Amino acid sequence: MANPTRWVTETGPEHSQWYIDRFRRLAAEGVDLAGEGRLIDAMVAPGSRILDAGCGTGRVGAALAQRGHTVVGVDADPALVEAARADHPGPRWLVGDLAELDLPADGEAEPFDAAVCAGNVMAFVAPGTERQVLGRIAAHLRPDGLLVVGFGTDRGYRLPDFDADTAAVGLRLEHRFATWDLRPWHDEATFAVTALRRPAD
């Protein structure tokens, strides 16, 4: 990993285990953890090939796999990936830096119909790599492929910068919402869910 992510530099050594334990507890309590997955499922064709970019403990990718999609998840934190493998067998979970994403090198040469980047992933990548991360994700999409990104607008990555970065890597903005359950976007929203498209031509 060329540059340490904010997940490493802005949290303590116990944070990953705390995060794993938190989502295992929420799942055991029956909390709905599949909202992002339901939205992506509604936006793609049945049996799509989906990249879970910044998969964490695998809850979004697992929800998509349960709905019949082929999922590959990637995260820079080995502890989170190990938890995803233990808790959600089925998808392929890989350790990798999104800024250096090269899935053909890991035997995943087929492009993806869609990618999802949930859980504030863009706020945790290494500072200054946001455009590179978006470009590497976009490079793994097929023409006309979909990318949906959600993050807090108060987490240090300004929405105008995000829009400039996505345009610079050739992604076209299609929709923006204030929540994963499609509440309307407004300028005072503290969260943004943005649907982008890799052009077909």
N, C-alpha and C. Protein backbone atom coordinates (compact mmCIF):
# COMPACT_ATOMS: atom_id res chain seq x y z
N MET A 1 0.85 -1.17 0.00
CA MET A 1 0.00 0.00 0.00
C MET A 1 0.90 1.24 0.00
N ALA A 2 0.80 2.05 -1.02
CA ALA A 2 1.70 3.19 -1.17
C ALA A 2 1.50 4.21 -0.06
N ASN A 3 0.25 4.52 0.28
CA ASN A 3 -0.06 5.50 1.32
C ASN A 3 -1.03 4.88 2.31
N PRO A 4 -0.78 5.01 3.62
CA PRO A 4 -1.74 4.47 4.59
C PRO A 4 -3.07 5.18 4.50
N THR A 5 -4.14 4.42 4.62
CA THR A 5 -5.47 5.00 4.55
C THR A 5 -5.79 5.74 5.85
N ARG A 6 -6.80 6.61 5.78
CA ARG A 6 -7.27 7.28 6.99
C ARG A 6 -7.83 6.28 7.99
N TRP A 7 -8.31 5.15 7.51
CA TRP A 7 -8.79 4.09 8.41
C TRP A 7 -7.67 3.69 9.36
N VAL A 8 -6.42 3.73 8.88
CA VAL A 8 -5.26 3.38 9.70
C VAL A 8 -4.78 4.57 10.51
N THR A 9 -4.65 5.72 9.85
CA THR A 9 -4.01 6.87 10.51
C THR A 9 -4.93 7.61 11.46
N GLU A 10 -6.24 7.48 11.31
CA GLU A 10 -7.16 8.25 12.13
C GLU A 10 -7.93 7.41 13.15
N THR A 11 -7.57 6.14 13.27
CA THR A 11 -8.20 5.28 14.28
C THR A 11 -7.10 4.53 15.03
N GLY A 12 -7.47 3.99 16.17
CA GLY A 12 -6.51 3.23 16.97
C GLY A 12 -6.42 1.79 16.55
N PRO A 13 -5.46 1.05 17.12
CA PRO A 13 -5.25 -0.35 16.72
C PRO A 13 -6.41 -1.27 17.05
N GLU A 14 -7.28 -0.85 18.00
CA GLU A 14 -8.41 -1.70 18.37
C GLU A 14 -9.65 -1.42 17.52
N HIS A 15 -9.58 -0.42 16.64
CA HIS A 15 -10.78 0.03 15.93
C HIS A 15 -11.36 -1.06 15.03
N SER A 16 -10.51 -1.80 14.35
CA SER A 16 -11.03 -2.82 13.42
C SER A 16 -11.84 -3.87 14.17
N GLN A 17 -11.32 -4.34 15.31
CA GLN A 17 -12.06 -5.35 16.07
C GLN A 17 -13.35 -4.78 16.63
N TRP A 18 -13.30 -3.52 17.07
CA TRP A 18 -14.53 -2.86 17.54
C TRP A 18 -15.57 -2.83 16.42
N TYR A 19 -15.14 -2.51 15.22
CA TYR A 19 -16.04 -2.43 14.07
C TYR A 19 -16.62 -3.80 13.74
N ILE A 20 -15.79 -4.82 13.75
CA ILE A 20 -16.26 -6.18 13.50
C ILE A 20 -17.30 -6.58 14.55
N ASP A 21 -16.96 -6.37 15.81
CA ASP A 21 -17.87 -6.74 16.90
C ASP A 21 -19.19 -5.97 16.81
N ARG A 22 -19.10 -4.71 16.45
CA ARG A 22 -20.31 -3.88 16.35
C ARG A 22 -21.29 -4.46 15.34
N PHE A 23 -20.80 -4.80 14.14
CA PHE A 23 -21.72 -5.28 13.12
C PHE A 23 -22.18 -6.71 13.39
N ARG A 24 -21.37 -7.50 14.06
CA ARG A 24 -21.84 -8.83 14.47
C ARG A 24 -22.95 -8.68 15.50
N ARG A 25 -22.82 -7.73 16.42
CA ARG A 25 -23.85 -7.50 17.43
C ARG A 25 -25.13 -7.00 16.79
N LEU A 26 -25.01 -6.06 15.86
CA LEU A 26 -26.21 -5.53 15.19
C LEU A 26 -26.93 -6.63 14.41
N ALA A 27 -26.15 -7.49 13.74
CA ALA A 27 -26.76 -8.60 13.00
C ALA A 27 -27.49 -9.55 13.95
N ALA A 28 -26.87 -9.84 15.10
CA ALA A 28 -27.48 -10.74 16.07
C ALA A 28 -28.76 -10.15 16.65
N GLU A 29 -28.81 -8.82 16.72
CA GLU A 29 -30.00 -8.14 17.24
C GLU A 29 -31.10 -8.00 16.19
N GLY A 30 -30.81 -8.42 14.96
CA GLY A 30 -31.81 -8.36 13.91
C GLY A 30 -31.95 -7.01 13.25
N VAL A 31 -30.96 -6.13 13.42
CA VAL A 31 -30.99 -4.81 12.80
C VAL A 31 -30.87 -4.98 11.28
N ASP A 32 -31.62 -4.18 10.56
CA ASP A 32 -31.57 -4.22 9.09
C ASP A 32 -30.25 -3.64 8.61
N LEU A 33 -29.39 -4.48 8.05
CA LEU A 33 -28.08 -4.05 7.55
C LEU A 33 -27.98 -4.17 6.03
N ALA A 34 -29.09 -4.38 5.37
CA ALA A 34 -29.07 -4.68 3.94
C ALA A 34 -29.62 -3.57 3.07
N GLY A 35 -29.82 -2.37 3.63
CA GLY A 35 -30.45 -1.30 2.85
C GLY A 35 -29.69 -0.94 1.60
N GLU A 36 -28.38 -0.80 1.70
CA GLU A 36 -27.58 -0.47 0.52
C GLU A 36 -27.68 -1.58 -0.53
N GLY A 37 -27.66 -2.82 -0.06
CA GLY A 37 -27.76 -3.94 -0.99
C GLY A 37 -29.08 -3.98 -1.73
N ARG A 38 -30.18 -3.65 -1.02
CA ARG A 38 -31.49 -3.63 -1.68
C ARG A 38 -31.53 -2.57 -2.77
N LEU A 39 -30.93 -1.42 -2.51
CA LEU A 39 -30.94 -0.37 -3.52
C LEU A 39 -30.14 -0.80 -4.76
N ILE A 40 -28.96 -1.32 -4.55
CA ILE A 40 -28.15 -1.75 -5.70
C ILE A 40 -28.86 -2.85 -6.47
N ASP A 41 -29.47 -3.79 -5.75
CA ASP A 41 -30.21 -4.88 -6.41
C ASP A 41 -31.31 -4.33 -7.31
N ALA A 42 -31.96 -3.26 -6.88
CA ALA A 42 -33.04 -2.67 -7.68
C ALA A 42 -32.52 -1.95 -8.91
N MET A 43 -31.23 -1.63 -8.94
CA MET A 43 -30.67 -0.82 -10.02
C MET A 43 -29.95 -1.64 -11.09
N VAL A 44 -29.78 -2.93 -10.85
CA VAL A 44 -29.02 -3.76 -11.78
C VAL A 44 -29.86 -4.94 -12.24
N ALA A 45 -29.39 -5.60 -13.28
CA ALA A 45 -30.08 -6.78 -13.79
C ALA A 45 -29.85 -7.98 -12.87
N PRO A 46 -30.78 -8.94 -12.88
CA PRO A 46 -30.57 -10.15 -12.08
C PRO A 46 -29.25 -10.82 -12.46
N GLY A 47 -28.59 -11.38 -11.47
CA GLY A 47 -27.35 -12.10 -11.72
C GLY A 47 -26.20 -11.24 -12.17
N SER A 48 -26.17 -9.99 -11.73
CA SER A 48 -25.08 -9.09 -12.13
C SER A 48 -23.79 -9.43 -11.40
N ARG A 49 -22.72 -8.95 -11.98
CA ARG A 49 -21.40 -9.09 -11.37
C ARG A 49 -21.08 -7.75 -10.70
N ILE A 50 -20.87 -7.78 -9.37
CA ILE A 50 -20.80 -6.54 -8.60
C ILE A 50 -19.53 -6.50 -7.77
N LEU A 51 -18.87 -5.35 -7.81
CA LEU A 51 -17.69 -5.09 -6.99
C LEU A 51 -18.11 -4.33 -5.75
N ASP A 52 -17.79 -4.88 -4.58
CA ASP A 52 -18.02 -4.20 -3.30
C ASP A 52 -16.69 -3.56 -2.92
N ALA A 53 -16.55 -2.28 -3.25
CA ALA A 53 -15.28 -1.56 -3.09
C ALA A 53 -15.20 -0.94 -1.71
N GLY A 54 -14.29 -1.46 -0.89
CA GLY A 54 -14.25 -1.07 0.51
C GLY A 54 -15.28 -1.88 1.27
N CYS A 55 -15.21 -3.20 1.15
CA CYS A 55 -16.29 -4.09 1.59
C CYS A 55 -16.41 -4.20 3.10
N GLY A 56 -15.38 -3.81 3.84
CA GLY A 56 -15.45 -3.95 5.29
C GLY A 56 -15.73 -5.38 5.71
N THR A 57 -16.71 -5.56 6.57
CA THR A 57 -17.04 -6.90 7.06
C THR A 57 -17.97 -7.68 6.14
N GLY A 58 -18.31 -7.09 4.99
CA GLY A 58 -19.01 -7.84 3.95
C GLY A 58 -20.52 -7.78 3.97
N ARG A 59 -21.11 -6.90 4.79
CA ARG A 59 -22.57 -6.92 4.91
C ARG A 59 -23.27 -6.54 3.62
N VAL A 60 -22.75 -5.55 2.85
CA VAL A 60 -23.41 -5.13 1.61
C VAL A 60 -23.25 -6.19 0.54
N GLY A 61 -22.03 -6.67 0.37
CA GLY A 61 -21.79 -7.71 -0.62
C GLY A 61 -22.57 -8.98 -0.32
N ALA A 62 -22.69 -9.32 0.96
CA ALA A 62 -23.45 -10.51 1.34
C ALA A 62 -24.92 -10.36 0.98
N ALA A 63 -25.47 -9.18 1.21
CA ALA A 63 -26.88 -8.95 0.85
C ALA A 63 -27.08 -9.09 -0.64
N LEU A 64 -26.12 -8.64 -1.42
CA LEU A 64 -26.23 -8.76 -2.88
C LEU A 64 -26.06 -10.21 -3.33
N ALA A 65 -25.16 -10.93 -2.70
CA ALA A 65 -24.98 -12.34 -3.05
C ALA A 65 -26.24 -13.14 -2.73
N GLN A 66 -26.89 -12.81 -1.63
CA GLN A 66 -28.13 -13.50 -1.27
C GLN A 66 -29.23 -13.25 -2.29
N ARG A 67 -29.11 -12.16 -3.04
CA ARG A 67 -30.09 -11.83 -4.07
C ARG A 67 -29.66 -12.35 -5.45
N GLY A 68 -28.65 -13.19 -5.48
CA GLY A 68 -28.28 -13.89 -6.71
C GLY A 68 -27.18 -13.26 -7.54
N HIS A 69 -26.52 -12.23 -7.02
CA HIS A 69 -25.45 -11.58 -7.77
C HIS A 69 -24.10 -12.23 -7.46
N THR A 70 -23.18 -12.11 -8.39
CA THR A 70 -21.80 -12.55 -8.18
C THR A 70 -21.02 -11.38 -7.62
N VAL A 71 -20.44 -11.55 -6.44
CA VAL A 71 -19.83 -10.44 -5.71
C VAL A 71 -18.35 -10.69 -5.45
N VAL A 72 -17.55 -9.68 -5.71
CA VAL A 72 -16.16 -9.64 -5.28
C VAL A 72 -16.00 -8.43 -4.39
N GLY A 73 -15.51 -8.64 -3.17
CA GLY A 73 -15.31 -7.54 -2.24
C GLY A 73 -13.84 -7.30 -2.00
N VAL A 74 -13.47 -6.04 -1.87
CA VAL A 74 -12.07 -5.66 -1.64
C VAL A 74 -12.01 -4.65 -0.51
N ASP A 75 -11.07 -4.86 0.41
CA ASP A 75 -10.84 -3.90 1.49
C ASP A 75 -9.37 -3.93 1.87
N ALA A 76 -8.86 -2.78 2.31
CA ALA A 76 -7.45 -2.68 2.68
C ALA A 76 -7.15 -3.28 4.04
N ASP A 77 -8.17 -3.49 4.86
CA ASP A 77 -7.96 -3.98 6.23
C ASP A 77 -8.09 -5.50 6.27
N PRO A 78 -6.98 -6.21 6.51
CA PRO A 78 -7.04 -7.68 6.53
C PRO A 78 -8.00 -8.22 7.59
N ALA A 79 -8.12 -7.54 8.71
CA ALA A 79 -9.01 -8.04 9.77
C ALA A 79 -10.46 -8.00 9.32
N LEU A 80 -10.85 -6.94 8.63
CA LEU A 80 -12.23 -6.84 8.14
C LEU A 80 -12.49 -7.89 7.07
N VAL A 81 -11.53 -8.11 6.20
CA VAL A 81 -11.71 -9.12 5.15
C VAL A 81 -11.81 -10.51 5.75
N GLU A 82 -11.02 -10.78 6.77
CA GLU A 82 -11.11 -12.08 7.43
C GLU A 82 -12.48 -12.27 8.08
N ALA A 83 -13.02 -11.21 8.65
CA ALA A 83 -14.37 -11.29 9.23
C ALA A 83 -15.41 -11.53 8.14
N ALA A 84 -15.25 -10.87 6.99
CA ALA A 84 -16.18 -11.08 5.88
C ALA A 84 -16.14 -12.54 5.42
N ARG A 85 -14.94 -13.10 5.33
CA ARG A 85 -14.82 -14.49 4.90
C ARG A 85 -15.47 -15.44 5.90
N ALA A 86 -15.32 -15.13 7.21
CA ALA A 86 -15.88 -16.00 8.24
C ALA A 86 -17.39 -15.89 8.32
N ASP A 87 -17.90 -14.65 8.20
CA ASP A 87 -19.33 -14.42 8.42
C ASP A 87 -20.19 -14.56 7.18
N HIS A 88 -19.58 -14.38 6.01
CA HIS A 88 -20.35 -14.35 4.77
C HIS A 88 -19.67 -15.15 3.67
N PRO A 89 -19.61 -16.47 3.80
CA PRO A 89 -19.01 -17.28 2.74
C PRO A 89 -19.85 -17.18 1.47
N GLY A 90 -19.18 -17.30 0.35
CA GLY A 90 -19.86 -17.23 -0.95
C GLY A 90 -19.19 -16.23 -1.86
N PRO A 91 -19.28 -14.92 -1.55
CA PRO A 91 -18.53 -13.95 -2.35
C PRO A 91 -17.03 -14.17 -2.20
N ARG A 92 -16.27 -13.61 -3.10
CA ARG A 92 -14.82 -13.64 -2.98
C ARG A 92 -14.38 -12.34 -2.30
N TRP A 93 -13.70 -12.46 -1.17
CA TRP A 93 -13.25 -11.30 -0.39
C TRP A 93 -11.74 -11.20 -0.49
N LEU A 94 -11.25 -10.03 -0.90
CA LEU A 94 -9.82 -9.84 -1.14
C LEU A 94 -9.29 -8.65 -0.36
N VAL A 95 -8.04 -8.76 0.09
CA VAL A 95 -7.34 -7.63 0.70
C VAL A 95 -6.68 -6.83 -0.41
N GLY A 96 -6.92 -5.52 -0.45
CA GLY A 96 -6.31 -4.70 -1.49
C GLY A 96 -6.55 -3.23 -1.27
N ASP A 97 -5.64 -2.43 -1.76
CA ASP A 97 -5.74 -0.98 -1.70
C ASP A 97 -6.53 -0.51 -2.92
N LEU A 98 -7.64 0.17 -2.70
CA LEU A 98 -8.47 0.62 -3.82
C LEU A 98 -7.72 1.58 -4.74
N ALA A 99 -6.74 2.29 -4.22
CA ALA A 99 -5.95 3.21 -5.05
C ALA A 99 -5.06 2.47 -6.03
N GLU A 100 -4.84 1.18 -5.77
CA GLU A 100 -3.99 0.37 -6.64
C GLU A 100 -4.75 -0.83 -7.19
N LEU A 101 -6.06 -0.74 -7.24
CA LEU A 101 -6.91 -1.88 -7.58
C LEU A 101 -6.56 -2.45 -8.95
N ASP A 102 -6.28 -3.74 -8.97
CA ASP A 102 -5.94 -4.45 -10.21
C ASP A 102 -6.45 -5.88 -10.08
N LEU A 103 -7.75 -6.05 -10.22
CA LEU A 103 -8.35 -7.36 -9.99
C LEU A 103 -7.98 -8.40 -11.04
N PRO A 104 -7.70 -8.04 -12.30
CA PRO A 104 -7.21 -9.07 -13.21
C PRO A 104 -5.96 -9.78 -12.69
N ALA A 105 -5.13 -9.06 -11.94
CA ALA A 105 -3.94 -9.68 -11.35
C ALA A 105 -4.30 -10.70 -10.28
N ASP A 106 -5.53 -10.60 -9.74
CA ASP A 106 -6.01 -11.56 -8.75
C ASP A 106 -6.94 -12.60 -9.36
N GLY A 107 -6.93 -12.69 -10.70
CA GLY A 107 -7.74 -13.68 -11.37
C GLY A 107 -9.17 -13.26 -11.65
N GLU A 108 -9.46 -11.97 -11.48
CA GLU A 108 -10.82 -11.45 -11.74
C GLU A 108 -10.77 -10.55 -12.96
N ALA A 109 -10.61 -11.16 -14.13
CA ALA A 109 -10.41 -10.38 -15.36
C ALA A 109 -11.72 -9.84 -15.93
N GLU A 110 -12.84 -10.47 -15.61
CA GLU A 110 -14.12 -10.04 -16.19
C GLU A 110 -14.55 -8.71 -15.59
N PRO A 111 -14.95 -7.74 -16.39
CA PRO A 111 -15.40 -6.46 -15.84
C PRO A 111 -16.70 -6.63 -15.06
N PHE A 112 -17.01 -5.61 -14.26
CA PHE A 112 -18.17 -5.65 -13.39
C PHE A 112 -19.32 -4.85 -14.00
N ASP A 113 -20.53 -5.34 -13.78
CA ASP A 113 -21.72 -4.61 -14.20
C ASP A 113 -21.96 -3.40 -13.31
N ALA A 114 -21.54 -3.50 -12.06
CA ALA A 114 -21.76 -2.41 -11.11
C ALA A 114 -20.74 -2.50 -9.99
N ALA A 115 -20.57 -1.38 -9.31
CA ALA A 115 -19.75 -1.34 -8.10
C ALA A 115 -20.48 -0.50 -7.07
N VAL A 116 -20.28 -0.84 -5.80
CA VAL A 116 -20.85 -0.07 -4.70
C VAL A 116 -19.74 0.29 -3.74
N CYS A 117 -19.80 1.52 -3.27
CA CYS A 117 -18.80 2.03 -2.34
C CYS A 117 -19.58 2.68 -1.19
N ALA A 118 -19.86 1.88 -0.16
CA ALA A 118 -20.72 2.31 0.93
C ALA A 118 -19.89 2.51 2.20
N GLY A 119 -20.59 2.89 3.29
CA GLY A 119 -19.92 2.93 4.58
C GLY A 119 -18.82 3.97 4.72
N ASN A 120 -18.95 5.10 4.06
CA ASN A 120 -17.97 6.19 4.18
C ASN A 120 -16.58 5.80 3.69
N VAL A 121 -16.50 4.84 2.79
CA VAL A 121 -15.20 4.40 2.28
C VAL A 121 -14.39 5.58 1.74
N MET A 122 -15.04 6.45 0.98
CA MET A 122 -14.29 7.55 0.36
C MET A 122 -13.72 8.52 1.39
N ALA A 123 -14.29 8.54 2.58
CA ALA A 123 -13.76 9.40 3.64
C ALA A 123 -12.59 8.75 4.37
N PHE A 124 -12.33 7.47 4.09
CA PHE A 124 -11.27 6.75 4.78
C PHE A 124 -10.08 6.39 3.89
N VAL A 125 -10.15 6.69 2.59
CA VAL A 125 -8.99 6.39 1.73
C VAL A 125 -7.86 7.36 2.08
N ALA A 126 -6.66 7.05 1.61
CA ALA A 126 -5.51 7.91 1.91
C ALA A 126 -5.73 9.30 1.34
N PRO A 127 -5.37 10.34 2.08
CA PRO A 127 -5.55 11.71 1.59
C PRO A 127 -4.88 11.91 0.24
N GLY A 128 -5.61 12.53 -0.67
CA GLY A 128 -5.07 12.81 -1.99
C GLY A 128 -5.22 11.69 -3.00
N THR A 129 -5.75 10.53 -2.57
CA THR A 129 -5.91 9.41 -3.49
C THR A 129 -7.34 9.24 -3.99
N GLU A 130 -8.24 10.14 -3.59
CA GLU A 130 -9.66 9.96 -3.91
C GLU A 130 -9.89 9.81 -5.41
N ARG A 131 -9.28 10.68 -6.21
CA ARG A 131 -9.48 10.58 -7.66
C ARG A 131 -8.91 9.28 -8.20
N GLN A 132 -7.76 8.88 -7.69
CA GLN A 132 -7.15 7.63 -8.12
C GLN A 132 -8.03 6.44 -7.77
N VAL A 133 -8.59 6.45 -6.56
CA VAL A 133 -9.49 5.36 -6.15
C VAL A 133 -10.69 5.28 -7.08
N LEU A 134 -11.32 6.40 -7.35
CA LEU A 134 -12.49 6.40 -8.24
C LEU A 134 -12.11 5.95 -9.64
N GLY A 135 -10.94 6.34 -10.10
CA GLY A 135 -10.48 5.92 -11.42
C GLY A 135 -10.23 4.43 -11.51
N ARG A 136 -9.65 3.86 -10.45
CA ARG A 136 -9.39 2.41 -10.46
C ARG A 136 -10.71 1.62 -10.39
N ILE A 137 -11.67 2.11 -9.61
CA ILE A 137 -12.97 1.43 -9.57
C ILE A 137 -13.63 1.52 -10.94
N ALA A 138 -13.65 2.71 -11.53
CA ALA A 138 -14.27 2.91 -12.83
C ALA A 138 -13.63 2.02 -13.89
N ALA A 139 -12.32 1.82 -13.80
CA ALA A 139 -11.62 1.00 -14.79
C ALA A 139 -12.06 -0.45 -14.76
N HIS A 140 -12.67 -0.89 -13.66
CA HIS A 140 -13.12 -2.27 -13.54
C HIS A 140 -14.58 -2.45 -13.96
N LEU A 141 -15.24 -1.36 -14.34
CA LEU A 141 -16.62 -1.44 -14.80
C LEU A 141 -16.67 -1.69 -16.31
N ARG A 142 -17.66 -2.43 -16.73
CA ARG A 142 -17.90 -2.56 -18.16
C ARG A 142 -18.44 -1.23 -18.70
N PRO A 143 -18.36 -0.99 -20.00
CA PRO A 143 -19.04 0.18 -20.56
C PRO A 143 -20.52 0.16 -20.19
N ASP A 144 -21.05 1.29 -19.77
CA ASP A 144 -22.40 1.47 -19.27
C ASP A 144 -22.58 0.89 -17.87
N GLY A 145 -21.46 0.57 -17.20
CA GLY A 145 -21.53 0.05 -15.84
C GLY A 145 -21.86 1.14 -14.83
N LEU A 146 -22.39 0.72 -13.69
CA LEU A 146 -22.91 1.62 -12.66
C LEU A 146 -21.98 1.63 -11.45
N LEU A 147 -21.78 2.81 -10.87
CA LEU A 147 -21.09 2.96 -9.59
C LEU A 147 -21.98 3.78 -8.66
N VAL A 148 -22.23 3.27 -7.46
CA VAL A 148 -23.00 4.00 -6.47
C VAL A 148 -22.12 4.20 -5.25
N VAL A 149 -21.98 5.48 -4.84
CA VAL A 149 -21.08 5.86 -3.76
C VAL A 149 -21.87 6.62 -2.70
N GLY A 150 -21.69 6.22 -1.45
CA GLY A 150 -22.33 6.94 -0.35
C GLY A 150 -21.33 7.34 0.71
N PHE A 151 -21.38 8.59 1.16
CA PHE A 151 -20.51 9.03 2.26
C PHE A 151 -21.07 10.30 2.88
N GLY A 152 -20.65 10.56 4.11
CA GLY A 152 -21.06 11.75 4.82
C GLY A 152 -20.42 12.99 4.23
N THR A 153 -21.22 14.02 4.05
CA THR A 153 -20.71 15.24 3.44
C THR A 153 -19.87 16.07 4.41
N ASP A 154 -19.84 15.65 5.68
CA ASP A 154 -19.07 16.36 6.70
C ASP A 154 -17.85 15.56 7.16
N ARG A 155 -17.38 14.65 6.30
CA ARG A 155 -16.29 13.75 6.70
C ARG A 155 -14.94 14.13 6.10
N GLY A 156 -14.83 15.33 5.51
CA GLY A 156 -13.54 15.80 5.03
C GLY A 156 -13.35 15.73 3.52
N TYR A 157 -14.24 15.06 2.83
CA TYR A 157 -14.17 14.97 1.36
C TYR A 157 -15.35 15.77 0.83
N ARG A 158 -15.07 16.96 0.35
CA ARG A 158 -16.13 17.88 -0.08
C ARG A 158 -16.84 17.35 -1.32
N LEU A 159 -18.14 17.52 -1.37
CA LEU A 159 -18.92 17.03 -2.50
C LEU A 159 -18.49 17.68 -3.82
N PRO A 160 -18.19 18.98 -3.88
CA PRO A 160 -17.68 19.53 -5.14
C PRO A 160 -16.38 18.87 -5.60
N ASP A 161 -15.53 18.48 -4.65
CA ASP A 161 -14.29 17.78 -5.00
C ASP A 161 -14.61 16.39 -5.55
N PHE A 162 -15.56 15.72 -4.91
CA PHE A 162 -16.00 14.41 -5.40
C PHE A 162 -16.54 14.52 -6.82
N ASP A 163 -17.37 15.51 -7.07
CA ASP A 163 -17.93 15.68 -8.41
C ASP A 163 -16.84 15.97 -9.44
N ALA A 164 -15.86 16.77 -9.06
CA ALA A 164 -14.75 17.06 -9.97
C ALA A 164 -13.94 15.80 -10.23
N ASP A 165 -13.73 14.99 -9.18
CA ASP A 165 -12.94 13.77 -9.34
C ASP A 165 -13.66 12.75 -10.21
N THR A 166 -14.97 12.58 -10.01
CA THR A 166 -15.69 11.60 -10.82
C THR A 166 -15.73 12.04 -12.29
N ALA A 167 -15.91 13.33 -12.53
CA ALA A 167 -15.90 13.81 -13.91
C ALA A 167 -14.53 13.61 -14.55
N ALA A 168 -13.48 13.81 -13.76
CA ALA A 168 -12.12 13.69 -14.31
C ALA A 168 -11.78 12.26 -14.72
N VAL A 169 -12.40 11.27 -14.06
CA VAL A 169 -12.12 9.87 -14.43
C VAL A 169 -13.16 9.33 -15.41
N GLY A 170 -14.01 10.20 -15.91
CA GLY A 170 -14.92 9.81 -16.98
C GLY A 170 -16.25 9.25 -16.55
N LEU A 171 -16.62 9.44 -15.29
CA LEU A 171 -17.92 8.97 -14.82
C LEU A 171 -18.97 10.07 -14.98
N ARG A 172 -20.18 9.67 -15.31
CA ARG A 172 -21.27 10.61 -15.54
C ARG A 172 -22.29 10.50 -14.40
N LEU A 173 -22.58 11.63 -13.76
CA LEU A 173 -23.54 11.64 -12.66
C LEU A 173 -24.96 11.44 -13.20
N GLU A 174 -25.69 10.50 -12.60
CA GLU A 174 -27.07 10.25 -13.01
C GLU A 174 -28.08 10.63 -11.94
N HIS A 175 -27.78 10.31 -10.68
CA HIS A 175 -28.74 10.58 -9.61
C HIS A 175 -27.98 10.92 -8.33
N ARG A 176 -28.63 11.71 -7.48
CA ARG A 176 -28.08 11.94 -6.14
C ARG A 176 -29.25 11.99 -5.15
N PHE A 177 -29.05 11.30 -4.01
CA PHE A 177 -30.04 11.25 -2.95
C PHE A 177 -29.37 11.60 -1.63
N ALA A 178 -30.19 11.86 -0.61
CA ALA A 178 -29.66 12.21 0.71
C ALA A 178 -29.51 11.00 1.62
N THR A 179 -30.06 9.86 1.21
CA THR A 179 -29.99 8.63 2.01
C THR A 179 -30.02 7.43 1.06
N TRP A 180 -29.70 6.25 1.62
CA TRP A 180 -29.77 5.03 0.82
C TRP A 180 -31.21 4.61 0.54
N ASP A 181 -32.19 5.16 1.29
CA ASP A 181 -33.58 4.84 0.98
C ASP A 181 -34.23 5.95 0.15
N LEU A 182 -33.39 6.70 -0.57
CA LEU A 182 -33.80 7.60 -1.64
C LEU A 182 -34.57 8.83 -1.16
N ARG A 183 -34.24 9.33 0.02
CA ARG A 183 -34.78 10.64 0.39
C ARG A 183 -34.20 11.69 -0.56
N PRO A 184 -34.97 12.71 -0.92
CA PRO A 184 -34.50 13.66 -1.93
C PRO A 184 -33.23 14.39 -1.48
N TRP A 185 -32.38 14.65 -2.45
CA TRP A 185 -31.16 15.41 -2.18
C TRP A 185 -31.51 16.87 -1.90
N HIS A 186 -30.78 17.48 -0.95
CA HIS A 186 -30.88 18.92 -0.72
C HIS A 186 -29.52 19.40 -0.24
N ASP A 187 -29.25 20.65 -0.41
CA ASP A 187 -27.92 21.18 -0.17
C ASP A 187 -27.47 21.11 1.28
N GLU A 188 -28.41 20.97 2.21
CA GLU A 188 -28.05 20.88 3.62
C GLU A 188 -27.89 19.43 4.08
N ALA A 189 -28.03 18.48 3.20
CA ALA A 189 -27.94 17.07 3.57
C ALA A 189 -26.55 16.75 4.11
N THR A 190 -26.51 15.90 5.12
CA THR A 190 -25.23 15.50 5.71
C THR A 190 -24.71 14.18 5.15
N PHE A 191 -25.43 13.63 4.19
CA PHE A 191 -25.01 12.38 3.54
C PHE A 191 -25.42 12.47 2.07
N ALA A 192 -24.60 11.89 1.21
CA ALA A 192 -24.89 11.88 -0.22
C ALA A 192 -24.74 10.47 -0.76
N VAL A 193 -25.73 10.03 -1.51
CA VAL A 193 -25.67 8.76 -2.25
C VAL A 193 -25.74 9.14 -3.73
N THR A 194 -24.67 8.86 -4.45
CA THR A 194 -24.54 9.32 -5.84
C THR A 194 -24.42 8.12 -6.77
N ALA A 195 -25.26 8.09 -7.78
CA ALA A 195 -25.21 7.05 -8.81
C ALA A 195 -24.51 7.62 -10.04
N LEU A 196 -23.48 6.91 -10.48
CA LEU A 196 -22.66 7.36 -11.61
C LEU A 196 -22.60 6.25 -12.65
N ARG A 197 -22.35 6.65 -13.87
CA ARG A 197 -22.32 5.69 -14.97
C ARG A 197 -21.02 5.83 -15.76
N ARG A 198 -20.39 4.71 -16.07
CA ARG A 198 -19.30 4.72 -17.03
C ARG A 198 -19.92 4.77 -18.42
N PRO A 199 -19.62 5.77 -19.22
CA PRO A 199 -20.27 5.89 -20.52
C PRO A 199 -20.08 4.64 -21.39
N ALA A 200 -21.09 4.37 -22.19
CA ALA A 200 -21.05 3.18 -23.05
C ALA A 200 -20.13 3.37 -24.24
N ASP A 201 -19.92 4.62 -24.68
CA ASP A 201 -19.10 4.84 -25.87
C ASP A 201 -17.66 5.19 -25.48
